Amino acid sequence: SAMLSQFIIHRGLIISVMQAIFSTIFYFSSTSIFPGFFMVGYATIYTMFPVFSLVLDKDFKEDSLALNFPNLYAELSRKRYLSFKTFFEWVLVSIMQGAAIMYGSFLLFQDEYIHIVAIAFTALILTELIMVALTVTVWHYLIVVAELVSLALYFITLFVLRDYFDPQFLGTWNFVWKVLSITLISCLPLTVLKLVMRRLNPSTYSKIS
């Protein structure tokens, strides 16, 4: 679907923005911000299930009253889910979120590189899962399962890969509040904007439902 393709673009672009900022700060170094295993995990086990579960999303519930109004199909067919406008919207969101995560990590952790990797990658995973949740219109139980499984797999990784993470630091309140703060900065503006737009300009089928 159009939403799935745009979300895949967002998923790749946000980590590219983070890498660009990281390289710029370190005098255009070619060093990767995340180890290769994390890059592969980010594209597969950590985000793949929630992102591809978006194909289960629907515009409205099957038992909704909206099905009694055939004119709604004409409206849905006229609406373009994939256009230059929506593409540039996702590009802008990716740049803003990538910058927020990267600069937030540097401001909070400064010279502690191993902590920067932990905070930035954790905030990135949480941001992607939250973005999936914000995109869903009608929740399916498999979408919930995909989100929870991905989150569980990541947190298991945090405590298994001790060469990349500091287990003692991960269990501190200092790590938790900083991760939540960066994730909030990354996601809160978009969350508020989506809620306001849905409130001020709801779709016709949502009004009928």
N, C-alpha and C. Protein backbone atom coordinates (compact mmCIF):
# COMPACT_ATOMS: atom_id res chain seq x y z
N SER A 1 0.84 -1.18 0.00
CA SER A 1 0.00 0.00 0.00
C SER A 1 0.88 1.24 0.00
N ALA A 2 0.23 2.38 -0.27
CA ALA A 2 0.96 3.65 -0.31
C ALA A 2 1.55 3.98 1.05
N MET A 3 0.78 3.76 2.10
CA MET A 3 1.25 4.07 3.45
C MET A 3 2.46 3.21 3.82
N LEU A 4 2.42 1.96 3.44
CA LEU A 4 3.54 1.06 3.74
C LEU A 4 4.81 1.51 3.04
N SER A 5 4.69 1.88 1.76
CA SER A 5 5.87 2.31 1.01
C SER A 5 6.46 3.59 1.58
N GLN A 6 5.61 4.52 1.98
CA GLN A 6 6.10 5.77 2.56
C GLN A 6 6.73 5.53 3.93
N PHE A 7 6.20 4.60 4.67
CA PHE A 7 6.76 4.31 5.98
C PHE A 7 8.13 3.65 5.85
N ILE A 8 8.30 2.83 4.83
CA ILE A 8 9.62 2.22 4.59
C ILE A 8 10.64 3.29 4.22
N ILE A 9 10.21 4.28 3.44
CA ILE A 9 11.08 5.41 3.11
C ILE A 9 11.46 6.15 4.38
N HIS A 10 10.48 6.40 5.23
CA HIS A 10 10.73 7.11 6.50
C HIS A 10 11.70 6.32 7.37
N ARG A 11 11.52 5.02 7.44
CA ARG A 11 12.38 4.18 8.27
C ARG A 11 13.83 4.24 7.84
N GLY A 12 14.07 4.26 6.54
CA GLY A 12 15.44 4.34 6.05
C GLY A 12 16.01 5.74 6.13
N LEU A 13 15.18 6.74 5.89
CA LEU A 13 15.67 8.12 5.85
C LEU A 13 16.03 8.64 7.23
N ILE A 14 15.29 8.27 8.25
CA ILE A 14 15.55 8.78 9.59
C ILE A 14 16.92 8.32 10.10
N ILE A 15 17.29 7.09 9.82
CA ILE A 15 18.60 6.61 10.27
C ILE A 15 19.71 7.19 9.39
N SER A 16 19.39 7.53 8.14
CA SER A 16 20.37 8.19 7.27
C SER A 16 20.66 9.60 7.77
N VAL A 17 19.62 10.30 8.23
CA VAL A 17 19.80 11.64 8.80
C VAL A 17 20.67 11.58 10.04
N MET A 18 20.42 10.59 10.89
CA MET A 18 21.23 10.44 12.10
C MET A 18 22.69 10.18 11.76
N GLN A 19 22.93 9.34 10.76
CA GLN A 19 24.31 9.06 10.34
C GLN A 19 24.98 10.31 9.77
N ALA A 20 24.23 11.10 9.00
CA ALA A 20 24.79 12.32 8.42
C ALA A 20 25.19 13.31 9.51
N ILE A 21 24.34 13.46 10.52
CA ILE A 21 24.64 14.38 11.62
C ILE A 21 25.85 13.88 12.41
N PHE A 22 25.88 12.58 12.66
CA PHE A 22 27.01 11.99 13.39
C PHE A 22 28.32 12.21 12.65
N SER A 23 28.33 11.96 11.34
CA SER A 23 29.54 12.14 10.55
C SER A 23 29.97 13.60 10.50
N THR A 24 29.00 14.50 10.42
CA THR A 24 29.30 15.93 10.37
C THR A 24 29.94 16.41 11.67
N ILE A 25 29.40 15.97 12.78
CA ILE A 25 29.93 16.38 14.09
C ILE A 25 31.37 15.90 14.27
N PHE A 26 31.66 14.70 13.76
CA PHE A 26 33.01 14.15 13.89
C PHE A 26 33.84 14.41 12.62
N TYR A 27 33.73 15.63 12.11
CA TYR A 27 34.57 16.10 11.00
C TYR A 27 34.46 15.21 9.77
N PHE A 28 33.21 14.86 9.44
CA PHE A 28 32.90 14.09 8.24
C PHE A 28 33.61 12.73 8.21
N SER A 29 33.67 12.13 9.37
CA SER A 29 34.25 10.79 9.48
C SER A 29 33.32 9.76 8.84
N SER A 30 33.92 8.72 8.27
CA SER A 30 33.12 7.67 7.63
C SER A 30 32.70 6.58 8.62
N THR A 31 32.98 6.79 9.90
CA THR A 31 32.63 5.80 10.93
C THR A 31 31.12 5.68 11.07
N SER A 32 30.62 4.46 11.13
CA SER A 32 29.18 4.24 11.30
C SER A 32 28.78 4.49 12.75
N ILE A 33 27.66 5.14 12.93
CA ILE A 33 27.19 5.43 14.29
C ILE A 33 26.79 4.16 15.01
N PHE A 34 26.20 3.20 14.29
CA PHE A 34 25.76 1.94 14.88
C PHE A 34 26.53 0.77 14.29
N PRO A 35 26.84 -0.25 15.09
CA PRO A 35 27.49 -1.47 14.56
C PRO A 35 26.62 -2.14 13.50
N GLY A 36 27.26 -2.93 12.65
CA GLY A 36 26.55 -3.57 11.55
C GLY A 36 25.37 -4.42 11.98
N PHE A 37 25.51 -5.11 13.12
CA PHE A 37 24.42 -5.96 13.60
C PHE A 37 23.17 -5.13 13.89
N PHE A 38 23.35 -3.93 14.44
CA PHE A 38 22.21 -3.07 14.75
C PHE A 38 21.53 -2.57 13.48
N MET A 39 22.33 -2.28 12.46
CA MET A 39 21.77 -1.80 11.20
C MET A 39 20.89 -2.88 10.56
N VAL A 40 21.39 -4.12 10.61
CA VAL A 40 20.61 -5.24 10.07
C VAL A 40 19.37 -5.49 10.93
N GLY A 41 19.55 -5.45 12.25
CA GLY A 41 18.43 -5.67 13.15
C GLY A 41 17.37 -4.60 13.02
N TYR A 42 17.79 -3.37 12.80
CA TYR A 42 16.84 -2.26 12.64
C TYR A 42 15.93 -2.47 11.43
N ALA A 43 16.50 -2.99 10.36
CA ALA A 43 15.72 -3.20 9.14
C ALA A 43 14.92 -4.50 9.17
N THR A 44 15.21 -5.37 10.14
CA THR A 44 14.54 -6.67 10.17
C THR A 44 13.77 -6.88 11.48
N ILE A 45 14.38 -7.52 12.46
CA ILE A 45 13.63 -7.99 13.63
C ILE A 45 13.09 -6.86 14.50
N TYR A 46 13.70 -5.68 14.48
CA TYR A 46 13.26 -4.62 15.39
C TYR A 46 12.09 -3.80 14.84
N THR A 47 11.99 -3.68 13.52
CA THR A 47 10.93 -2.82 12.96
C THR A 47 10.13 -3.48 11.84
N MET A 48 10.59 -4.61 11.33
CA MET A 48 9.94 -5.20 10.16
C MET A 48 8.49 -5.61 10.45
N PHE A 49 8.27 -6.28 11.57
CA PHE A 49 6.92 -6.79 11.87
C PHE A 49 5.89 -5.66 12.02
N PRO A 50 6.16 -4.62 12.81
CA PRO A 50 5.18 -3.54 12.93
C PRO A 50 4.93 -2.81 11.61
N VAL A 51 6.01 -2.55 10.86
CA VAL A 51 5.86 -1.81 9.61
C VAL A 51 5.02 -2.58 8.60
N PHE A 52 5.31 -3.85 8.40
CA PHE A 52 4.56 -4.64 7.43
C PHE A 52 3.17 -5.02 7.93
N SER A 53 2.94 -4.90 9.23
CA SER A 53 1.59 -5.15 9.75
C SER A 53 0.62 -4.04 9.36
N LEU A 54 1.15 -2.94 8.81
CA LEU A 54 0.28 -1.84 8.37
C LEU A 54 -0.66 -2.27 7.24
N VAL A 55 -0.34 -3.37 6.55
CA VAL A 55 -1.23 -3.85 5.49
C VAL A 55 -2.56 -4.33 6.07
N LEU A 56 -2.61 -4.55 7.37
CA LEU A 56 -3.84 -5.00 8.02
C LEU A 56 -4.74 -3.83 8.41
N ASP A 57 -4.22 -2.61 8.27
CA ASP A 57 -4.99 -1.43 8.66
C ASP A 57 -6.11 -1.18 7.65
N LYS A 58 -7.20 -0.57 8.12
CA LYS A 58 -8.35 -0.25 7.28
C LYS A 58 -8.80 1.18 7.57
N ASP A 59 -9.56 1.74 6.63
CA ASP A 59 -10.06 3.09 6.81
C ASP A 59 -11.17 3.15 7.85
N PHE A 60 -11.95 2.08 7.93
CA PHE A 60 -13.01 2.01 8.95
C PHE A 60 -13.34 0.55 9.21
N LYS A 61 -14.01 0.29 10.31
CA LYS A 61 -14.35 -1.07 10.70
C LYS A 61 -15.39 -1.66 9.77
N GLU A 62 -15.33 -2.98 9.60
CA GLU A 62 -16.26 -3.65 8.70
C GLU A 62 -17.70 -3.57 9.18
N ASP A 63 -17.89 -3.50 10.50
CA ASP A 63 -19.24 -3.42 11.04
C ASP A 63 -19.69 -1.97 11.19
N SER A 64 -18.96 -1.05 10.58
CA SER A 64 -19.28 0.37 10.71
C SER A 64 -20.49 0.73 9.85
N LEU A 65 -21.20 1.79 10.26
CA LEU A 65 -22.32 2.30 9.48
C LEU A 65 -21.87 2.89 8.15
N ALA A 66 -20.57 3.16 8.04
CA ALA A 66 -20.06 3.77 6.81
C ALA A 66 -20.29 2.89 5.60
N LEU A 67 -20.40 1.57 5.80
CA LEU A 67 -20.63 0.66 4.68
C LEU A 67 -22.00 0.86 4.06
N ASN A 68 -22.89 1.53 4.75
CA ASN A 68 -24.23 1.78 4.22
C ASN A 68 -24.26 2.99 3.30
N PHE A 69 -23.12 3.63 3.09
CA PHE A 69 -23.06 4.84 2.27
C PHE A 69 -22.08 4.63 1.12
N PRO A 70 -22.57 4.18 -0.03
CA PRO A 70 -21.69 3.89 -1.18
C PRO A 70 -20.90 5.11 -1.66
N ASN A 71 -21.42 6.32 -1.42
CA ASN A 71 -20.72 7.51 -1.89
C ASN A 71 -19.33 7.65 -1.26
N LEU A 72 -19.15 6.99 -0.12
CA LEU A 72 -17.84 7.06 0.53
C LEU A 72 -16.74 6.45 -0.34
N TYR A 73 -17.11 5.44 -1.12
CA TYR A 73 -16.10 4.81 -1.97
C TYR A 73 -15.58 5.79 -3.02
N ALA A 74 -16.47 6.67 -3.49
CA ALA A 74 -16.04 7.68 -4.46
C ALA A 74 -15.03 8.63 -3.83
N GLU A 75 -15.29 9.00 -2.56
CA GLU A 75 -14.35 9.88 -1.85
C GLU A 75 -13.01 9.21 -1.64
N LEU A 76 -13.04 7.94 -1.24
CA LEU A 76 -11.80 7.22 -1.00
C LEU A 76 -10.99 7.04 -2.29
N SER A 77 -11.69 6.85 -3.41
CA SER A 77 -10.98 6.66 -4.68
C SER A 77 -10.34 7.95 -5.17
N ARG A 78 -10.92 9.11 -4.79
CA ARG A 78 -10.35 10.40 -5.20
C ARG A 78 -9.15 10.78 -4.34
N LYS A 79 -9.10 10.28 -3.12
CA LYS A 79 -8.03 10.66 -2.21
C LYS A 79 -6.73 9.99 -2.61
N ARG A 80 -5.67 10.78 -2.72
CA ARG A 80 -4.37 10.26 -3.12
C ARG A 80 -3.50 10.06 -1.88
N TYR A 81 -3.18 8.82 -1.61
CA TYR A 81 -2.36 8.50 -0.45
C TYR A 81 -0.86 8.58 -0.76
N LEU A 82 -0.53 8.56 -2.05
CA LEU A 82 0.87 8.65 -2.45
C LEU A 82 1.01 9.77 -3.48
N SER A 83 1.64 10.85 -3.08
CA SER A 83 1.81 12.02 -3.94
C SER A 83 3.09 12.74 -3.53
N PHE A 84 3.44 13.78 -4.29
CA PHE A 84 4.61 14.58 -3.92
C PHE A 84 4.41 15.22 -2.55
N LYS A 85 3.19 15.62 -2.27
CA LYS A 85 2.90 16.26 -0.98
C LYS A 85 3.16 15.30 0.18
N THR A 86 2.58 14.12 0.11
CA THR A 86 2.76 13.15 1.20
C THR A 86 4.22 12.69 1.29
N PHE A 87 4.88 12.59 0.12
CA PHE A 87 6.29 12.19 0.13
C PHE A 87 7.15 13.21 0.88
N PHE A 88 6.98 14.48 0.56
CA PHE A 88 7.78 15.52 1.22
C PHE A 88 7.39 15.68 2.69
N GLU A 89 6.15 15.38 3.03
CA GLU A 89 5.75 15.40 4.44
C GLU A 89 6.54 14.35 5.23
N TRP A 90 6.64 13.15 4.67
CA TRP A 90 7.39 12.08 5.34
C TRP A 90 8.88 12.39 5.38
N VAL A 91 9.41 13.02 4.33
CA VAL A 91 10.82 13.42 4.33
C VAL A 91 11.08 14.43 5.44
N LEU A 92 10.19 15.42 5.58
CA LEU A 92 10.34 16.43 6.62
C LEU A 92 10.27 15.81 8.01
N VAL A 93 9.32 14.91 8.20
CA VAL A 93 9.19 14.23 9.49
C VAL A 93 10.46 13.43 9.81
N SER A 94 10.99 12.74 8.81
CA SER A 94 12.21 11.95 9.02
C SER A 94 13.39 12.82 9.42
N ILE A 95 13.55 13.96 8.75
CA ILE A 95 14.65 14.87 9.07
C ILE A 95 14.51 15.42 10.48
N MET A 96 13.30 15.84 10.83
CA MET A 96 13.07 16.41 12.16
C MET A 96 13.31 15.38 13.25
N GLN A 97 12.80 14.18 13.07
CA GLN A 97 12.95 13.15 14.10
C GLN A 97 14.39 12.66 14.20
N GLY A 98 15.05 12.48 13.07
CA GLY A 98 16.44 12.06 13.09
C GLY A 98 17.33 13.08 13.78
N ALA A 99 17.08 14.37 13.49
CA ALA A 99 17.86 15.44 14.13
C ALA A 99 17.58 15.51 15.62
N ALA A 100 16.31 15.35 16.00
CA ALA A 100 15.95 15.42 17.42
C ALA A 100 16.62 14.30 18.22
N ILE A 101 16.61 13.10 17.67
CA ILE A 101 17.23 11.96 18.37
C ILE A 101 18.74 12.13 18.48
N MET A 102 19.38 12.52 17.38
CA MET A 102 20.83 12.60 17.36
C MET A 102 21.35 13.73 18.23
N TYR A 103 20.80 14.93 18.05
CA TYR A 103 21.27 16.06 18.85
C TYR A 103 20.90 15.88 20.32
N GLY A 104 19.74 15.30 20.58
CA GLY A 104 19.35 15.03 21.96
C GLY A 104 20.31 14.07 22.64
N SER A 105 20.74 13.06 21.91
CA SER A 105 21.69 12.08 22.47
C SER A 105 23.03 12.73 22.79
N PHE A 106 23.50 13.59 21.90
CA PHE A 106 24.78 14.26 22.14
C PHE A 106 24.70 15.24 23.30
N LEU A 107 23.58 15.94 23.41
CA LEU A 107 23.44 16.92 24.49
C LEU A 107 23.37 16.24 25.86
N LEU A 108 22.74 15.09 25.91
CA LEU A 108 22.54 14.41 27.20
C LEU A 108 23.72 13.54 27.60
N PHE A 109 24.46 13.04 26.62
CA PHE A 109 25.53 12.09 26.96
C PHE A 109 26.93 12.57 26.59
N GLN A 110 27.01 13.58 25.76
CA GLN A 110 28.28 14.23 25.44
C GLN A 110 29.36 13.23 25.03
N ASP A 111 30.39 13.01 25.86
CA ASP A 111 31.56 12.23 25.45
C ASP A 111 31.44 10.73 25.69
N GLU A 112 30.36 10.26 26.27
CA GLU A 112 30.20 8.84 26.57
C GLU A 112 29.65 8.12 25.34
N TYR A 113 30.54 7.66 24.46
CA TYR A 113 30.12 7.13 23.16
C TYR A 113 29.23 5.90 23.30
N ILE A 114 29.60 4.96 24.18
CA ILE A 114 28.80 3.74 24.32
C ILE A 114 27.39 4.06 24.79
N HIS A 115 27.25 5.11 25.59
CA HIS A 115 25.93 5.53 26.04
C HIS A 115 25.17 6.25 24.93
N ILE A 116 25.89 6.97 24.08
CA ILE A 116 25.25 7.63 22.95
C ILE A 116 24.62 6.60 22.02
N VAL A 117 25.34 5.52 21.76
CA VAL A 117 24.81 4.45 20.90
C VAL A 117 23.56 3.84 21.52
N ALA A 118 23.60 3.57 22.82
CA ALA A 118 22.46 2.95 23.50
C ALA A 118 21.25 3.86 23.48
N ILE A 119 21.45 5.14 23.83
CA ILE A 119 20.33 6.07 23.91
C ILE A 119 19.75 6.37 22.54
N ALA A 120 20.62 6.59 21.55
CA ALA A 120 20.15 6.94 20.22
C ALA A 120 19.40 5.79 19.57
N PHE A 121 19.92 4.58 19.69
CA PHE A 121 19.28 3.44 19.05
C PHE A 121 17.97 3.07 19.75
N THR A 122 17.96 3.16 21.06
CA THR A 122 16.72 2.87 21.80
C THR A 122 15.64 3.88 21.45
N ALA A 123 16.00 5.16 21.42
CA ALA A 123 15.04 6.20 21.05
C ALA A 123 14.56 6.02 19.62
N LEU A 124 15.44 5.57 18.74
CA LEU A 124 15.07 5.33 17.35
C LEU A 124 14.04 4.21 17.23
N ILE A 125 14.27 3.10 17.92
CA ILE A 125 13.33 1.98 17.88
C ILE A 125 11.97 2.39 18.45
N LEU A 126 11.98 3.08 19.59
CA LEU A 126 10.72 3.52 20.20
C LEU A 126 9.98 4.49 19.29
N THR A 127 10.73 5.37 18.63
CA THR A 127 10.11 6.33 17.71
C THR A 127 9.42 5.61 16.55
N GLU A 128 10.07 4.61 15.99
CA GLU A 128 9.47 3.86 14.88
C GLU A 128 8.20 3.14 15.32
N LEU A 129 8.22 2.54 16.50
CA LEU A 129 7.04 1.83 16.99
C LEU A 129 5.89 2.80 17.27
N ILE A 130 6.23 3.96 17.80
CA ILE A 130 5.20 4.98 18.05
C ILE A 130 4.63 5.50 16.74
N MET A 131 5.48 5.68 15.73
CA MET A 131 5.02 6.15 14.43
C MET A 131 4.05 5.17 13.79
N VAL A 132 4.33 3.88 13.95
CA VAL A 132 3.39 2.87 13.45
C VAL A 132 2.04 3.01 14.15
N ALA A 133 2.08 3.19 15.46
CA ALA A 133 0.84 3.34 16.23
C ALA A 133 0.06 4.58 15.80
N LEU A 134 0.76 5.66 15.49
CA LEU A 134 0.10 6.89 15.06
C LEU A 134 -0.51 6.75 13.66
N THR A 135 0.05 5.87 12.86
CA THR A 135 -0.40 5.69 11.48
C THR A 135 -1.65 4.83 11.40
N VAL A 136 -1.81 3.91 12.33
CA VAL A 136 -2.92 2.96 12.29
C VAL A 136 -4.26 3.67 12.51
N THR A 137 -5.24 3.31 11.70
CA THR A 137 -6.60 3.85 11.85
C THR A 137 -7.49 2.87 12.60
N VAL A 138 -7.51 1.62 12.15
CA VAL A 138 -8.29 0.57 12.81
C VAL A 138 -7.32 -0.52 13.27
N TRP A 139 -7.23 -0.70 14.57
CA TRP A 139 -6.26 -1.64 15.12
C TRP A 139 -6.68 -3.09 14.88
N HIS A 140 -5.70 -3.90 14.51
CA HIS A 140 -5.85 -5.34 14.37
C HIS A 140 -4.98 -5.99 15.44
N TYR A 141 -5.41 -7.12 15.97
CA TYR A 141 -4.66 -7.72 17.07
C TYR A 141 -3.24 -8.12 16.64
N LEU A 142 -3.05 -8.43 15.37
CA LEU A 142 -1.71 -8.78 14.89
C LEU A 142 -0.77 -7.57 14.88
N ILE A 143 -1.33 -6.38 14.71
CA ILE A 143 -0.51 -5.17 14.77
C ILE A 143 0.01 -4.99 16.19
N VAL A 144 -0.86 -5.22 17.16
CA VAL A 144 -0.45 -5.12 18.57
C VAL A 144 0.62 -6.16 18.89
N VAL A 145 0.41 -7.39 18.41
CA VAL A 145 1.39 -8.45 18.64
C VAL A 145 2.73 -8.09 18.02
N ALA A 146 2.71 -7.56 16.80
CA ALA A 146 3.94 -7.18 16.12
C ALA A 146 4.71 -6.11 16.89
N GLU A 147 3.98 -5.14 17.42
CA GLU A 147 4.62 -4.07 18.20
C GLU A 147 5.27 -4.65 19.47
N LEU A 148 4.53 -5.48 20.18
CA LEU A 148 5.03 -6.03 21.44
C LEU A 148 6.21 -6.98 21.22
N VAL A 149 6.13 -7.80 20.17
CA VAL A 149 7.22 -8.74 19.88
C VAL A 149 8.49 -7.99 19.52
N SER A 150 8.38 -6.97 18.69
CA SER A 150 9.55 -6.19 18.30
C SER A 150 10.17 -5.50 19.50
N LEU A 151 9.33 -4.95 20.36
CA LEU A 151 9.83 -4.27 21.56
C LEU A 151 10.53 -5.26 22.49
N ALA A 152 9.94 -6.44 22.65
CA ALA A 152 10.53 -7.46 23.52
C ALA A 152 11.87 -7.95 22.97
N LEU A 153 11.94 -8.16 21.66
CA LEU A 153 13.20 -8.60 21.05
C LEU A 153 14.31 -7.58 21.25
N TYR A 154 13.94 -6.31 21.15
CA TYR A 154 14.97 -5.29 21.32
C TYR A 154 15.48 -5.24 22.75
N PHE A 155 14.58 -5.28 23.72
CA PHE A 155 15.01 -5.20 25.11
C PHE A 155 15.80 -6.44 25.53
N ILE A 156 15.51 -7.58 24.93
CA ILE A 156 16.33 -8.77 25.18
C ILE A 156 17.74 -8.54 24.64
N THR A 157 17.81 -7.93 23.46
CA THR A 157 19.11 -7.64 22.85
C THR A 157 19.95 -6.72 23.72
N LEU A 158 19.29 -5.75 24.37
CA LEU A 158 20.01 -4.79 25.21
C LEU A 158 20.85 -5.48 26.29
N PHE A 159 20.30 -6.54 26.84
CA PHE A 159 20.97 -7.20 27.96
C PHE A 159 21.80 -8.41 27.53
N VAL A 160 21.66 -8.82 26.26
CA VAL A 160 22.44 -9.95 25.77
C VAL A 160 23.76 -9.48 25.16
N LEU A 161 23.71 -8.42 24.36
CA LEU A 161 24.92 -7.91 23.70
C LEU A 161 25.67 -6.97 24.63
N ARG A 162 26.38 -7.53 25.55
CA ARG A 162 27.09 -6.73 26.56
C ARG A 162 28.31 -5.99 25.98
N ASP A 163 28.76 -6.41 24.82
CA ASP A 163 29.90 -5.72 24.20
C ASP A 163 29.51 -4.34 23.66
N TYR A 164 28.22 -4.16 23.38
CA TYR A 164 27.75 -2.91 22.80
C TYR A 164 27.01 -2.04 23.80
N PHE A 165 26.49 -2.64 24.85
CA PHE A 165 25.72 -1.90 25.85
C PHE A 165 26.30 -2.14 27.23
N ASP A 166 26.08 -1.19 28.10
CA ASP A 166 26.49 -1.30 29.50
C ASP A 166 25.28 -1.72 30.32
N PRO A 167 25.15 -2.99 30.70
CA PRO A 167 23.96 -3.47 31.42
C PRO A 167 23.68 -2.70 32.70
N GLN A 168 24.72 -2.30 33.41
CA GLN A 168 24.53 -1.56 34.66
C GLN A 168 23.90 -0.19 34.39
N PHE A 169 24.34 0.44 33.32
CA PHE A 169 23.78 1.75 32.98
C PHE A 169 22.34 1.63 32.50
N LEU A 170 22.03 0.56 31.77
CA LEU A 170 20.67 0.37 31.23
C LEU A 170 19.64 0.22 32.33
N GLY A 171 20.06 -0.24 33.50
CA GLY A 171 19.12 -0.43 34.60
C GLY A 171 18.95 0.78 35.48
N THR A 172 19.55 1.89 35.11
CA THR A 172 19.47 3.10 35.94
C THR A 172 18.34 4.00 35.48
N TRP A 173 17.85 4.80 36.41
CA TRP A 173 16.81 5.78 36.08
C TRP A 173 17.35 6.84 35.13
N ASN A 174 18.65 7.10 35.19
CA ASN A 174 19.29 8.09 34.32
C ASN A 174 19.10 7.73 32.85
N PHE A 175 19.25 6.45 32.54
CA PHE A 175 19.06 5.99 31.16
C PHE A 175 17.59 6.10 30.75
N VAL A 176 16.71 5.68 31.64
CA VAL A 176 15.27 5.64 31.32
C VAL A 176 14.72 7.02 31.02
N TRP A 177 15.00 7.99 31.90
CA TRP A 177 14.38 9.31 31.69
C TRP A 177 14.96 10.03 30.49
N LYS A 178 16.23 9.76 30.19
CA LYS A 178 16.83 10.40 29.02
C LYS A 178 16.30 9.80 27.72
N VAL A 179 16.09 8.49 27.70
CA VAL A 179 15.49 7.84 26.53
C VAL A 179 14.08 8.36 26.31
N LEU A 180 13.30 8.41 27.37
CA LEU A 180 11.92 8.88 27.26
C LEU A 180 11.86 10.34 26.84
N SER A 181 12.78 11.14 27.33
CA SER A 181 12.81 12.57 26.98
C SER A 181 13.08 12.76 25.49
N ILE A 182 14.08 12.06 24.98
CA ILE A 182 14.42 12.19 23.55
C ILE A 182 13.30 11.65 22.67
N THR A 183 12.71 10.53 23.07
CA THR A 183 11.59 9.97 22.30
C THR A 183 10.40 10.92 22.31
N LEU A 184 10.16 11.56 23.44
CA LEU A 184 9.06 12.51 23.55
C LEU A 184 9.28 13.71 22.64
N ILE A 185 10.50 14.22 22.63
CA ILE A 185 10.82 15.36 21.76
C ILE A 185 10.65 14.97 20.30
N SER A 186 10.98 13.74 19.98
CA SER A 186 10.89 13.27 18.60
C SER A 186 9.45 13.05 18.14
N CYS A 187 8.60 12.57 19.04
CA CYS A 187 7.25 12.14 18.64
C CYS A 187 6.12 13.08 19.05
N LEU A 188 6.30 13.83 20.14
CA LEU A 188 5.20 14.63 20.66
C LEU A 188 4.66 15.66 19.67
N PRO A 189 5.52 16.45 18.99
CA PRO A 189 4.97 17.45 18.06
C PRO A 189 4.10 16.82 16.98
N LEU A 190 4.55 15.70 16.41
CA LEU A 190 3.77 15.04 15.36
C LEU A 190 2.48 14.45 15.92
N THR A 191 2.54 13.91 17.13
CA THR A 191 1.34 13.35 17.76
C THR A 191 0.28 14.43 17.97
N VAL A 192 0.70 15.56 18.50
CA VAL A 192 -0.22 16.67 18.74
C VAL A 192 -0.81 17.16 17.42
N LEU A 193 0.04 17.29 16.39
CA LEU A 193 -0.42 17.76 15.09
C LEU A 193 -1.45 16.81 14.48
N LYS A 194 -1.21 15.51 14.57
CA LYS A 194 -2.15 14.54 14.03
C LYS A 194 -3.49 14.59 14.75
N LEU A 195 -3.45 14.71 16.07
CA LEU A 195 -4.69 14.78 16.84
C LEU A 195 -5.48 16.04 16.51
N VAL A 196 -4.78 17.15 16.36
CA VAL A 196 -5.44 18.41 16.03
C VAL A 196 -6.06 18.33 14.64
N MET A 197 -5.33 17.78 13.67
CA MET A 197 -5.84 17.67 12.31
C MET A 197 -7.05 16.75 12.24
N ARG A 198 -7.01 15.64 12.98
CA ARG A 198 -8.16 14.73 12.99
C ARG A 198 -9.37 15.38 13.65
N ARG A 199 -9.10 16.26 14.60
CA ARG A 199 -10.19 16.94 15.30
C ARG A 199 -10.80 18.04 14.44
N LEU A 200 -9.95 18.81 13.78
CA LEU A 200 -10.43 19.95 12.99
C LEU A 200 -10.92 19.53 11.61
N ASN A 201 -10.33 18.50 11.04
CA ASN A 201 -10.69 18.09 9.69
C ASN A 201 -10.85 16.57 9.61
N PRO A 202 -11.87 16.03 10.29
CA PRO A 202 -12.07 14.58 10.28
C PRO A 202 -12.56 14.10 8.91
N SER A 203 -12.24 12.88 8.59
CA SER A 203 -12.70 12.32 7.32
C SER A 203 -14.21 12.07 7.37
N THR A 204 -14.81 12.00 6.19
CA THR A 204 -16.26 11.80 6.12
C THR A 204 -16.66 10.47 6.73
N TYR A 205 -15.90 9.42 6.44
CA TYR A 205 -16.28 8.10 6.96
C TYR A 205 -16.12 8.01 8.47
N SER A 206 -15.21 8.80 9.05
CA SER A 206 -15.08 8.81 10.51
C SER A 206 -16.26 9.53 11.15
N LYS A 207 -16.78 10.54 10.47
CA LYS A 207 -17.96 11.24 10.99
C LYS A 207 -19.17 10.30 11.02
N ILE A 208 -19.33 9.54 9.95
CA ILE A 208 -20.48 8.63 9.86
C ILE A 208 -20.35 7.50 10.86
N SER A 209 -19.10 7.00 11.04
CA SER A 209 -18.88 5.90 11.97
C SER A 209 -19.18 6.32 13.39
